[in-house]
Amino acid sequence: MSPLNETFKALSDKTRRQILKLLHAGDLNAGEIADHFEMTKPSISHHLNLLKQADLISDRRQGQTIIYTLNTSVFEEIMGWFLEFTGKHPDELDFNQGEEAFEEAPPKTDKSK
């Protein structure tokens, strides 16, 4: 599968888009990411692996913890690809238009109940 196809496949899932939104706010480990969802940790791990395969996130080991980071360069490549169709320069675009359409990151859930 081409890198662009993997990217769009990864972005097609709402949970993965929410994970990206969380990582946009800062680096997190898998447990911190899982705290925002009501799903099993293996399911979160599956989503993280697909995001890594699409190169949308990267990970690094910090002791026994794996920290996940957003890879913004892939988003820049995607925006460049989209801009080819508009014939516009990025400075000409209004990125605040339609901002309410973006999904918010899920709130942290309290699993102790």
N, C-alpha and C. Protein backbone atom coordinates (compact mmCIF):
# COMPACT_ATOMS: atom_id res chain seq x y z
N MET A 1 0.85 -1.18 0.00
CA MET A 1 0.00 0.00 0.00
C MET A 1 0.90 1.24 0.00
N SER A 2 0.51 2.25 -0.76
CA SER A 2 1.32 3.47 -0.84
C SER A 2 1.22 4.24 0.47
N PRO A 3 2.24 5.05 0.77
CA PRO A 3 2.21 5.83 2.02
C PRO A 3 0.97 6.72 2.12
N LEU A 4 0.57 7.34 1.03
CA LEU A 4 -0.61 8.20 1.06
C LEU A 4 -1.87 7.39 1.34
N ASN A 5 -1.98 6.19 0.77
CA ASN A 5 -3.14 5.33 1.05
C ASN A 5 -3.17 4.93 2.52
N GLU A 6 -2.01 4.60 3.08
CA GLU A 6 -1.96 4.24 4.51
C GLU A 6 -2.37 5.42 5.38
N THR A 7 -1.96 6.61 4.98
CA THR A 7 -2.32 7.81 5.74
C THR A 7 -3.83 8.01 5.75
N PHE A 8 -4.45 7.94 4.57
CA PHE A 8 -5.89 8.15 4.51
C PHE A 8 -6.65 7.01 5.20
N LYS A 9 -6.15 5.81 5.12
CA LYS A 9 -6.78 4.69 5.84
C LYS A 9 -6.74 4.95 7.34
N ALA A 10 -5.59 5.40 7.83
CA ALA A 10 -5.46 5.69 9.26
C ALA A 10 -6.38 6.82 9.68
N LEU A 11 -6.52 7.83 8.84
CA LEU A 11 -7.36 8.98 9.16
C LEU A 11 -8.86 8.69 9.02
N SER A 12 -9.21 7.56 8.42
CA SER A 12 -10.62 7.25 8.18
C SER A 12 -11.37 6.83 9.45
N ASP A 13 -10.64 6.56 10.52
CA ASP A 13 -11.28 6.08 11.74
C ASP A 13 -11.37 7.20 12.78
N LYS A 14 -12.55 7.38 13.36
CA LYS A 14 -12.79 8.45 14.33
C LYS A 14 -11.88 8.32 15.56
N THR A 15 -11.70 7.11 16.06
CA THR A 15 -10.84 6.92 17.24
C THR A 15 -9.41 7.36 16.95
N ARG A 16 -8.91 7.01 15.79
CA ARG A 16 -7.53 7.41 15.45
C ARG A 16 -7.43 8.92 15.28
N ARG A 17 -8.45 9.54 14.72
CA ARG A 17 -8.44 11.01 14.61
C ARG A 17 -8.45 11.64 16.00
N GLN A 18 -9.19 11.05 16.94
CA GLN A 18 -9.23 11.57 18.30
C GLN A 18 -7.87 11.39 18.99
N ILE A 19 -7.20 10.28 18.73
CA ILE A 19 -5.85 10.07 19.29
C ILE A 19 -4.90 11.13 18.76
N LEU A 20 -5.00 11.44 17.46
CA LEU A 20 -4.15 12.49 16.88
C LEU A 20 -4.43 13.83 17.54
N LYS A 21 -5.69 14.11 17.81
CA LYS A 21 -6.06 15.37 18.48
C LYS A 21 -5.44 15.42 19.88
N LEU A 22 -5.48 14.31 20.60
CA LEU A 22 -4.86 14.27 21.92
C LEU A 22 -3.36 14.53 21.83
N LEU A 23 -2.71 13.90 20.86
CA LEU A 23 -1.25 14.06 20.72
C LEU A 23 -0.88 15.45 20.22
N HIS A 24 -1.82 16.12 19.58
CA HIS A 24 -1.57 17.50 19.16
C HIS A 24 -1.34 18.39 20.38
N ALA A 25 -2.00 18.06 21.48
CA ALA A 25 -1.85 18.82 22.72
C ALA A 25 -0.55 18.49 23.45
N GLY A 26 0.07 17.35 23.13
CA GLY A 26 1.32 16.98 23.78
C GLY A 26 1.55 15.48 23.75
N ASP A 27 2.78 15.08 23.98
CA ASP A 27 3.15 13.67 23.98
C ASP A 27 2.47 12.93 25.12
N LEU A 28 2.09 11.68 24.85
CA LEU A 28 1.41 10.85 25.85
C LEU A 28 1.88 9.41 25.74
N ASN A 29 1.77 8.67 26.84
CA ASN A 29 2.01 7.22 26.76
C ASN A 29 0.69 6.51 26.48
N ALA A 30 0.75 5.23 26.20
CA ALA A 30 -0.44 4.47 25.81
C ALA A 30 -1.51 4.49 26.91
N GLY A 31 -1.10 4.40 28.15
CA GLY A 31 -2.06 4.43 29.26
C GLY A 31 -2.80 5.75 29.33
N GLU A 32 -2.07 6.85 29.13
CA GLU A 32 -2.69 8.17 29.15
C GLU A 32 -3.67 8.33 27.99
N ILE A 33 -3.32 7.76 26.85
CA ILE A 33 -4.23 7.80 25.70
C ILE A 33 -5.46 6.95 25.99
N ALA A 34 -5.26 5.76 26.52
CA ALA A 34 -6.36 4.83 26.80
C ALA A 34 -7.34 5.42 27.81
N ASP A 35 -6.86 6.27 28.73
CA ASP A 35 -7.74 6.88 29.73
C ASP A 35 -8.84 7.73 29.10
N HIS A 36 -8.68 8.13 27.85
CA HIS A 36 -9.67 8.97 27.18
C HIS A 36 -10.72 8.16 26.42
N PHE A 37 -10.60 6.84 26.45
CA PHE A 37 -11.50 5.99 25.67
C PHE A 37 -12.06 4.87 26.52
N GLU A 38 -13.23 4.42 26.17
CA GLU A 38 -13.82 3.26 26.84
C GLU A 38 -13.65 2.06 25.93
N MET A 39 -12.41 1.61 25.79
CA MET A 39 -12.09 0.42 25.00
C MET A 39 -10.88 -0.25 25.63
N THR A 40 -10.62 -1.46 25.23
CA THR A 40 -9.52 -2.22 25.83
C THR A 40 -8.17 -1.64 25.39
N LYS A 41 -7.17 -1.88 26.21
CA LYS A 41 -5.82 -1.42 25.86
C LYS A 41 -5.29 -2.09 24.59
N PRO A 42 -5.60 -3.37 24.35
CA PRO A 42 -5.19 -3.95 23.06
C PRO A 42 -5.81 -3.23 21.85
N SER A 43 -7.05 -2.75 22.01
CA SER A 43 -7.68 -2.00 20.92
C SER A 43 -6.95 -0.68 20.70
N ILE A 44 -6.60 0.00 21.77
CA ILE A 44 -5.83 1.25 21.65
C ILE A 44 -4.49 0.96 21.00
N SER A 45 -3.85 -0.12 21.40
CA SER A 45 -2.56 -0.50 20.82
C SER A 45 -2.69 -0.73 19.32
N HIS A 46 -3.77 -1.35 18.89
CA HIS A 46 -4.02 -1.58 17.47
C HIS A 46 -4.10 -0.25 16.72
N HIS A 47 -4.85 0.70 17.28
CA HIS A 47 -4.98 2.02 16.66
C HIS A 47 -3.63 2.73 16.60
N LEU A 48 -2.86 2.64 17.68
CA LEU A 48 -1.53 3.27 17.71
C LEU A 48 -0.62 2.66 16.65
N ASN A 49 -0.70 1.34 16.49
CA ASN A 49 0.14 0.69 15.47
C ASN A 49 -0.23 1.14 14.06
N LEU A 50 -1.51 1.29 13.78
CA LEU A 50 -1.92 1.77 12.46
C LEU A 50 -1.46 3.21 12.22
N LEU A 51 -1.52 4.03 13.25
CA LEU A 51 -1.04 5.41 13.12
C LEU A 51 0.48 5.45 12.91
N LYS A 52 1.18 4.54 13.57
CA LYS A 52 2.64 4.45 13.37
C LYS A 52 2.96 3.98 11.96
N GLN A 53 2.25 2.98 11.45
CA GLN A 53 2.48 2.47 10.10
C GLN A 53 2.26 3.57 9.06
N ALA A 54 1.31 4.47 9.32
CA ALA A 54 1.03 5.57 8.41
C ALA A 54 1.99 6.74 8.66
N ASP A 55 2.89 6.58 9.62
CA ASP A 55 3.89 7.59 9.98
C ASP A 55 3.25 8.88 10.50
N LEU A 56 2.02 8.79 11.02
CA LEU A 56 1.36 9.95 11.60
C LEU A 56 1.83 10.20 13.03
N ILE A 57 2.34 9.16 13.68
CA ILE A 57 2.91 9.29 15.02
C ILE A 57 4.22 8.52 15.07
N SER A 58 5.02 8.87 16.04
CA SER A 58 6.25 8.11 16.30
C SER A 58 6.26 7.77 17.79
N ASP A 59 7.13 6.84 18.15
CA ASP A 59 7.24 6.49 19.56
C ASP A 59 8.69 6.43 19.97
N ARG A 60 8.90 6.60 21.25
CA ARG A 60 10.25 6.49 21.83
C ARG A 60 10.12 5.87 23.22
N ARG A 61 11.11 5.11 23.56
CA ARG A 61 11.12 4.47 24.87
C ARG A 61 11.71 5.42 25.90
N GLN A 62 11.03 5.53 27.03
CA GLN A 62 11.50 6.33 28.15
C GLN A 62 11.41 5.43 29.38
N GLY A 63 12.51 4.75 29.68
CA GLY A 63 12.49 3.73 30.72
C GLY A 63 11.66 2.56 30.24
N GLN A 64 10.63 2.19 31.01
CA GLN A 64 9.75 1.10 30.60
C GLN A 64 8.49 1.60 29.89
N THR A 65 8.41 2.90 29.69
CA THR A 65 7.24 3.52 29.08
C THR A 65 7.53 3.90 27.64
N ILE A 66 6.54 3.75 26.79
CA ILE A 66 6.65 4.20 25.40
C ILE A 66 5.83 5.48 25.26
N ILE A 67 6.49 6.52 24.79
CA ILE A 67 5.87 7.83 24.62
C ILE A 67 5.55 8.03 23.14
N TYR A 68 4.33 8.48 22.86
CA TYR A 68 3.88 8.70 21.48
C TYR A 68 3.87 10.20 21.18
N THR A 69 4.31 10.53 19.96
CA THR A 69 4.45 11.91 19.51
C THR A 69 3.80 12.07 18.14
N LEU A 70 3.13 13.19 17.92
CA LEU A 70 2.53 13.50 16.63
C LEU A 70 3.63 13.84 15.63
N ASN A 71 3.52 13.31 14.41
CA ASN A 71 4.47 13.60 13.35
C ASN A 71 3.83 14.61 12.41
N THR A 72 4.13 15.89 12.62
CA THR A 72 3.46 16.94 11.85
C THR A 72 3.94 17.01 10.40
N SER A 73 5.10 16.46 10.09
CA SER A 73 5.60 16.56 8.71
C SER A 73 4.68 15.81 7.74
N VAL A 74 4.05 14.74 8.18
CA VAL A 74 3.12 14.01 7.30
C VAL A 74 1.90 14.88 7.02
N PHE A 75 1.43 15.63 8.01
CA PHE A 75 0.30 16.52 7.79
C PHE A 75 0.67 17.63 6.80
N GLU A 76 1.89 18.10 6.88
CA GLU A 76 2.35 19.12 5.92
C GLU A 76 2.36 18.55 4.50
N GLU A 77 2.78 17.30 4.35
CA GLU A 77 2.77 16.66 3.04
C GLU A 77 1.34 16.51 2.51
N ILE A 78 0.42 16.12 3.39
CA ILE A 78 -0.98 15.96 2.99
C ILE A 78 -1.55 17.30 2.56
N MET A 79 -1.27 18.35 3.32
CA MET A 79 -1.78 19.68 2.98
C MET A 79 -1.22 20.11 1.62
N GLY A 80 0.05 19.84 1.38
CA GLY A 80 0.65 20.15 0.09
C GLY A 80 -0.06 19.43 -1.04
N TRP A 81 -0.39 18.17 -0.80
CA TRP A 81 -1.11 17.37 -1.80
C TRP A 81 -2.48 17.98 -2.08
N PHE A 82 -3.21 18.37 -1.02
CA PHE A 82 -4.51 18.99 -1.20
C PHE A 82 -4.39 20.34 -1.91
N LEU A 83 -3.37 21.11 -1.57
CA LEU A 83 -3.21 22.44 -2.16
C LEU A 83 -2.95 22.37 -3.67
N GLU A 84 -2.40 21.27 -4.13
CA GLU A 84 -2.20 21.11 -5.57
C GLU A 84 -3.53 21.25 -6.32
N PHE A 85 -4.62 20.84 -5.69
CA PHE A 85 -5.92 20.88 -6.33
C PHE A 85 -6.58 22.26 -6.26
N THR A 86 -6.16 23.07 -5.31
CA THR A 86 -6.78 24.39 -5.16
C THR A 86 -6.12 25.43 -6.04
N GLY A 87 -4.86 25.22 -6.38
CA GLY A 87 -4.12 26.21 -7.15
C GLY A 87 -3.80 27.44 -6.33
N LYS A 88 -3.95 27.33 -5.01
CA LYS A 88 -3.69 28.46 -4.12
C LYS A 88 -2.44 28.22 -3.30
N HIS A 89 -1.87 29.30 -2.85
CA HIS A 89 -0.73 29.26 -1.94
C HIS A 89 -1.30 29.15 -0.52
N PRO A 90 -0.62 28.48 0.40
CA PRO A 90 -1.15 28.34 1.77
C PRO A 90 -1.53 29.66 2.42
N ASP A 91 -0.84 30.76 2.09
CA ASP A 91 -1.16 32.05 2.70
C ASP A 91 -2.53 32.58 2.26
N GLU A 92 -3.05 32.06 1.16
CA GLU A 92 -4.33 32.52 0.64
C GLU A 92 -5.53 31.81 1.27
N LEU A 93 -5.27 30.77 2.03
CA LEU A 93 -6.36 29.95 2.58
C LEU A 93 -6.77 30.44 3.96
N ASP A 94 -8.07 30.34 4.26
CA ASP A 94 -8.60 30.69 5.56
C ASP A 94 -8.85 29.39 6.32
N PHE A 95 -7.89 29.03 7.17
CA PHE A 95 -7.99 27.76 7.89
C PHE A 95 -8.95 27.82 9.07
N ASN A 96 -9.46 28.99 9.42
CA ASN A 96 -10.41 29.10 10.53
C ASN A 96 -11.84 28.89 10.07
N GLN A 97 -12.08 28.96 8.78
CA GLN A 97 -13.41 28.75 8.24
C GLN A 97 -13.84 27.31 8.47
N GLY A 98 -15.02 27.12 9.03
CA GLY A 98 -15.53 25.77 9.26
C GLY A 98 -14.86 25.05 10.41
N GLU A 99 -14.24 25.79 11.32
CA GLU A 99 -13.50 25.19 12.43
C GLU A 99 -14.38 24.32 13.31
N GLU A 100 -15.68 24.66 13.40
CA GLU A 100 -16.58 23.88 14.25
C GLU A 100 -16.76 22.45 13.75
N ALA A 101 -16.36 22.17 12.53
CA ALA A 101 -16.51 20.82 11.98
C ALA A 101 -15.47 19.85 12.51
N PHE A 102 -14.40 20.37 13.10
CA PHE A 102 -13.35 19.49 13.60
C PHE A 102 -13.81 18.80 14.87
N GLU A 103 -13.47 17.54 14.99
CA GLU A 103 -13.85 16.78 16.17
C GLU A 103 -12.94 17.15 17.33
N GLU A 104 -13.51 17.21 18.50
CA GLU A 104 -12.72 17.49 19.68
C GLU A 104 -12.16 16.18 20.23
N ALA A 105 -11.04 16.31 20.94
CA ALA A 105 -10.47 15.14 21.61
C ALA A 105 -11.45 14.69 22.68
N PRO A 106 -11.55 13.40 22.89
CA PRO A 106 -12.48 12.90 23.91
C PRO A 106 -11.99 13.28 25.30
N PRO A 107 -12.94 13.54 26.23
CA PRO A 107 -12.52 13.85 27.59
C PRO A 107 -11.95 12.61 28.26
N LYS A 108 -11.16 12.83 29.29
CA LYS A 108 -10.60 11.71 30.04
C LYS A 108 -11.73 11.03 30.79
N THR A 109 -11.79 9.70 30.71
CA THR A 109 -12.87 8.97 31.39
C THR A 109 -12.40 8.51 32.74
N ASP A 110 -13.35 8.41 33.66
CA ASP A 110 -13.06 7.92 35.00
C ASP A 110 -13.43 6.44 35.03
N LYS A 111 -12.44 5.56 34.95
CA LYS A 111 -12.70 4.11 34.90
C LYS A 111 -12.80 3.47 36.27
N SER A 112 -12.75 4.30 37.33
CA SER A 112 -12.78 3.74 38.69
C SER A 112 -14.20 3.47 39.15
N LYS A 113 -15.20 3.86 38.35
CA LYS A 113 -16.61 3.66 38.75
C LYS A 113 -17.03 2.24 38.57
